[in-house]
Protein backbone atom coordinates (compact mmCIF):
# COMPACT_ATOMS: atom_id res chain seq x y z
CA MET A 1 64.32 153.67 266.36
CA ILE A 2 67.72 153.13 267.06
CA PHE A 3 66.82 152.16 270.52
CA ASN A 4 64.69 149.23 269.20
CA ASN A 5 67.80 148.26 266.82
CA ILE A 6 69.89 148.01 269.63
CA PHE A 7 67.24 146.15 271.99
CA GLY A 8 65.82 144.02 269.43
CA TYR A 9 69.83 142.99 268.90
CA GLU A 10 70.30 142.22 272.26
CA ALA A 11 67.36 140.38 273.21
CA LYS A 12 67.76 137.96 270.12
CA ARG A 13 71.76 137.91 271.32
CA LYS A 14 70.33 136.51 275.05
CA ARG A 15 67.63 133.96 272.96
CA LEU A 16 70.47 132.49 270.68
CA LEU A 17 72.61 132.18 273.35
CA LYS A 18 70.63 129.42 274.69
CA ARG A 19 70.44 127.44 272.32
CA ALA A 20 74.05 127.78 270.19
CA PRO A 21 76.11 125.35 270.14
CA THR A 22 79.50 125.08 272.28
CA GLY A 23 82.00 126.95 270.31
CA PRO A 24 82.93 129.89 268.21
CA LEU A 25 79.26 131.13 268.06
CA HIS A 26 78.30 130.33 271.58
CA ASP A 27 81.39 132.07 272.77
CA PHE A 28 80.68 135.19 270.13
CA LEU A 29 77.24 135.24 271.71
CA SER A 30 78.47 135.09 275.22
CA VAL A 31 79.61 138.98 275.10
CA PRO A 32 77.04 141.69 275.22
CA PHE A 33 77.01 144.12 272.40
CA PRO A 34 78.38 148.02 272.74
CA ASP A 35 76.13 150.14 273.77
CA GLU A 36 74.33 152.41 271.85
CA LYS A 37 75.21 155.52 274.02
CA GLN A 38 78.80 155.06 273.71
CA LEU A 39 80.86 157.57 272.24
CA PHE A 40 82.34 156.68 268.30
CA ILE A 41 85.99 157.48 269.96
CA ASP A 42 85.17 154.54 272.55
CA THR A 43 83.82 152.08 270.76
CA PRO A 44 85.74 148.97 269.68
CA ILE A 45 84.87 148.26 265.68
CA LEU A 46 85.92 145.63 263.45
CA SER A 47 86.13 146.60 260.13
CA VAL A 48 85.29 143.84 257.92
CA ASP A 49 85.10 142.53 253.71
CA PHE A 50 84.58 139.52 252.19
CA GLU A 51 85.13 138.80 248.64
CA THR A 52 83.01 136.39 247.06
CA THR A 53 82.18 134.31 243.65
CA GLY A 54 78.55 136.61 243.52
CA LEU A 55 76.18 138.71 245.22
CA HIS A 56 74.07 135.44 246.64
CA ALA A 57 74.69 134.31 249.75
CA LYS A 58 72.73 130.89 249.16
CA ASN A 59 74.26 130.25 245.65
CA ASP A 60 77.52 131.87 245.65
CA LYS A 61 80.70 131.14 247.97
CA LEU A 62 83.00 133.04 250.07
CA LEU A 63 86.29 133.15 248.65
CA SER A 64 88.31 135.45 251.43
CA VAL A 65 88.03 137.15 254.25
CA GLY A 66 89.60 140.52 255.15
CA PHE A 67 89.41 142.60 258.84
CA VAL A 68 91.19 144.74 260.88
CA ASP A 69 90.23 146.36 263.89
CA LEU A 70 89.28 150.58 264.78
CA PHE A 71 89.46 152.23 268.06
CA ALA A 72 90.05 155.39 269.79
CA ASN A 73 90.23 156.71 265.98
CA THR A 74 93.06 154.28 264.86
CA ILE A 75 93.51 151.30 262.90
CA PRO A 76 96.04 148.90 264.67
CA LEU A 77 97.23 147.06 261.29
CA LYS A 78 98.63 144.72 263.68
CA SER A 79 95.40 143.52 263.97
CA SER A 80 94.49 142.89 260.36
CA TYR A 81 93.89 139.90 258.68
CA HIS A 82 93.23 138.29 255.64
CA GLN A 83 92.61 134.61 254.42
CA ILE A 84 91.58 132.97 251.19
CA VAL A 85 88.54 130.47 251.69
CA ARG A 86 88.75 127.15 250.13
CA SER A 87 85.58 126.21 248.43
CA LYS A 88 84.74 123.39 245.66
CA GLY A 89 84.20 124.21 241.95
CA ARG A 90 85.61 126.40 239.05
CA LEU A 91 86.22 130.10 239.48
CA LYS A 92 84.25 132.21 236.29
CA SER A 93 87.06 133.84 234.56
CA ASP A 94 85.72 137.23 234.88
CA ASN A 95 85.16 136.87 238.62
CA VAL A 96 89.28 136.00 238.74
CA THR A 97 89.91 139.39 236.70
CA ILE A 98 88.08 141.59 239.68
CA HIS A 99 88.84 139.78 242.88
CA GLN A 100 92.15 138.16 241.34
CA ILE A 101 92.02 135.38 243.00
CA THR A 102 92.80 131.81 241.22
CA ASP A 103 91.26 128.31 241.43
CA SER A 104 95.12 127.40 242.48
CA GLN A 105 95.20 129.87 245.42
CA LYS A 106 91.37 128.86 246.20
CA ASN A 107 92.21 125.71 246.52
CA GLN A 108 95.15 126.28 249.08
CA GLY A 109 93.29 128.28 251.26
CA GLU A 110 91.73 127.37 254.87
CA PRO A 111 88.76 125.91 255.13
CA LEU A 112 85.31 128.32 255.60
CA ARG A 113 85.17 126.84 259.18
CA VAL A 114 89.37 128.28 260.12
CA ALA A 115 88.08 131.94 258.42
CA ILE A 116 84.62 132.26 260.24
CA GLU A 117 86.28 131.35 263.27
CA ALA A 118 88.73 133.75 263.65
CA LEU A 119 86.33 136.57 262.34
CA LEU A 120 83.74 135.51 265.35
CA LYS A 121 86.24 136.08 267.49
CA ALA A 122 87.25 138.86 266.20
CA LEU A 123 84.22 140.44 265.83
CA THR A 124 83.23 139.34 269.51
CA GLY A 125 82.21 142.58 272.27
CA LYS A 126 82.63 144.31 268.67
CA VAL A 127 80.71 146.31 266.35
CA MET A 128 80.80 145.47 262.36
CA LEU A 129 82.26 147.98 260.09
CA VAL A 130 81.23 147.10 256.43
CA HIS A 131 80.67 149.26 252.92
CA PHE A 132 77.53 147.81 251.74
CA ALA A 133 75.91 145.81 254.43
CA ARG A 134 73.57 143.38 252.35
CA ILE A 135 76.91 141.22 251.25
CA GLU A 136 78.49 141.16 254.42
CA ARG A 137 75.50 140.54 256.64
CA GLU A 138 74.16 137.49 254.39
CA PHE A 139 77.24 135.63 253.44
CA LEU A 140 78.21 135.72 257.30
CA GLN A 141 74.74 134.38 257.99
CA GLN A 142 74.55 131.93 255.55
CA ALA A 143 78.24 130.89 256.64
CA CYS A 144 77.00 130.66 260.41
CA ILE A 145 73.73 128.28 259.15
CA ASN A 146 76.00 125.99 257.04
CA LEU A 147 78.46 125.90 260.13
CA TYR A 148 76.69 125.92 263.01
CA GLY A 149 72.84 125.52 262.38
CA MET A 150 71.49 129.09 263.38
CA ALA A 151 72.31 132.67 261.98
CA PRO A 152 73.09 135.41 264.28
CA MET A 153 72.53 139.02 264.28
CA PHE A 154 75.14 141.54 263.84
CA PRO A 155 75.22 145.25 264.85
CA MET A 156 76.15 146.86 262.39
CA ILE A 157 77.86 150.46 260.59
CA ASP A 158 77.48 151.13 256.78
CA THR A 159 79.97 153.40 255.29
CA LEU A 160 77.55 153.82 252.57
CA MET A 161 74.46 154.67 254.48
CA VAL A 162 76.45 157.22 256.30
CA ALA A 163 77.06 159.10 253.07
CA LYS A 164 73.44 158.44 252.05
CA LYS A 165 72.01 159.86 254.85
CA ARG A 166 74.00 162.17 254.82
CA LEU A 167 73.03 163.10 251.15
CA ASP A 168 69.44 162.43 251.96
CA ASN A 169 69.43 165.14 254.37
CA ARG A 170 70.13 167.69 252.27
CA ASP A 171 67.63 166.55 249.83
CA VAL A 172 69.38 167.15 246.70
CA ALA A 173 69.31 164.73 243.67
CA TYR A 174 72.77 162.28 243.34
CA ASP A 175 73.81 159.11 241.25
CA PRO A 176 74.46 156.30 243.25
CA SER A 177 77.90 155.70 242.33
CA THR A 178 78.81 158.13 244.19
CA LEU A 179 78.49 156.24 247.01
CA ARG A 180 80.86 153.71 245.73
CA LEU A 181 83.72 153.21 248.32
CA SER A 182 86.32 154.83 245.77
CA ALA A 183 83.87 157.49 244.82
CA LEU A 184 83.53 158.35 248.94
CA ARG A 185 87.18 157.95 249.58
CA GLN A 186 87.82 160.23 246.58
CA ARG A 187 85.42 163.07 248.13
CA TYR A 188 87.28 163.07 251.34
CA ASN A 189 90.73 163.61 249.77
CA LEU A 190 91.89 159.54 250.77
CA PRO A 191 94.07 158.44 248.82
CA GLU A 192 93.42 155.37 245.87
CA HIS A 193 93.53 151.85 247.39
CA HIS A 194 93.97 148.70 245.73
CA ALA A 195 90.12 147.81 245.47
CA HIS A 196 88.85 143.86 245.78
CA ASN A 197 91.31 142.72 247.95
CA ALA A 198 89.23 141.54 250.99
CA LEU A 199 91.89 143.70 253.59
CA ASN A 200 92.92 146.25 251.69
CA ASP A 201 88.89 147.38 251.31
CA ALA A 202 88.50 146.40 255.18
CA ILE A 203 91.13 149.22 255.74
CA ALA A 204 89.85 151.54 253.47
CA THR A 205 86.14 151.51 254.88
CA ALA A 206 87.96 152.20 258.13
CA GLU A 207 89.91 154.85 257.12
CA LEU A 208 86.50 156.00 255.31
CA LEU A 209 84.42 156.30 258.39
CA MET A 210 87.25 157.63 260.14
CA ALA A 211 86.92 160.67 257.87
CA GLN A 212 82.93 160.99 257.92
CA VAL A 213 83.04 161.18 261.51
CA ASN A 214 85.96 163.79 261.43
CA ALA A 215 83.75 165.86 259.32
CA MET A 216 80.20 165.74 261.30
CA ALA A 217 79.65 168.73 263.56
CA SER A 218 80.32 168.04 266.89
CA SER A 219 82.99 164.93 265.75
CA ASN A 220 83.72 164.11 269.52
CA LYS A 221 80.26 163.80 270.28
CA VAL A 222 79.39 161.62 268.10
CA THR A 223 77.81 158.35 269.56
CA LEU A 224 77.35 154.93 268.08
CA SER A 225 73.70 155.92 267.73
CA ASP A 226 74.53 158.24 265.25
CA LEU A 227 75.99 155.25 262.96
CA LEU A 228 74.37 151.83 263.76
CA LEU A 229 72.21 150.82 260.99
């Protein structure tokens, strides 16, 4: 199954590359994805998080982008990036309460193009790490459709699914709330973090993945195929 997923990613990458417009998306697609046989510790990973106005990529807006590198079991903070994204319309008060991004900050943000170009450049040749993959996958693909007319595929690791797989293998009932980022960090004795900030959540997700891998049997032999969606 994993082999088929990787083969599908690479095959589609090559097909999309042939019709990608010159620019950031073409550059991203020009570089092969990491090999599934690579050890986790040898795999370049980019931990990514988005703050959005809602859960539906076609109707809601991307508010901020945060990311940071994860490589060789370290998180080089100099690689961190956080950008608020400019968009039209006023934010709902309950939404602002969650992400703490105001209309004034949003209106002074960078255009979507700037944030997505930075993300694609940083993501080139790496695996994308997220917590709850649907949001980042769908919003990034929709952004690429809006900007470049096409949506690429992304090999992804989802810390939520890594945790779910572990629980499912134990064949025990569990409360879905235990799969939240904060709950999983608590399980691995990681400190509390300021949630709903894209960069903070990206760093928190990278820390969680390291803890998850280190808790696995023969953690030094964990490969990319053990973690991919």
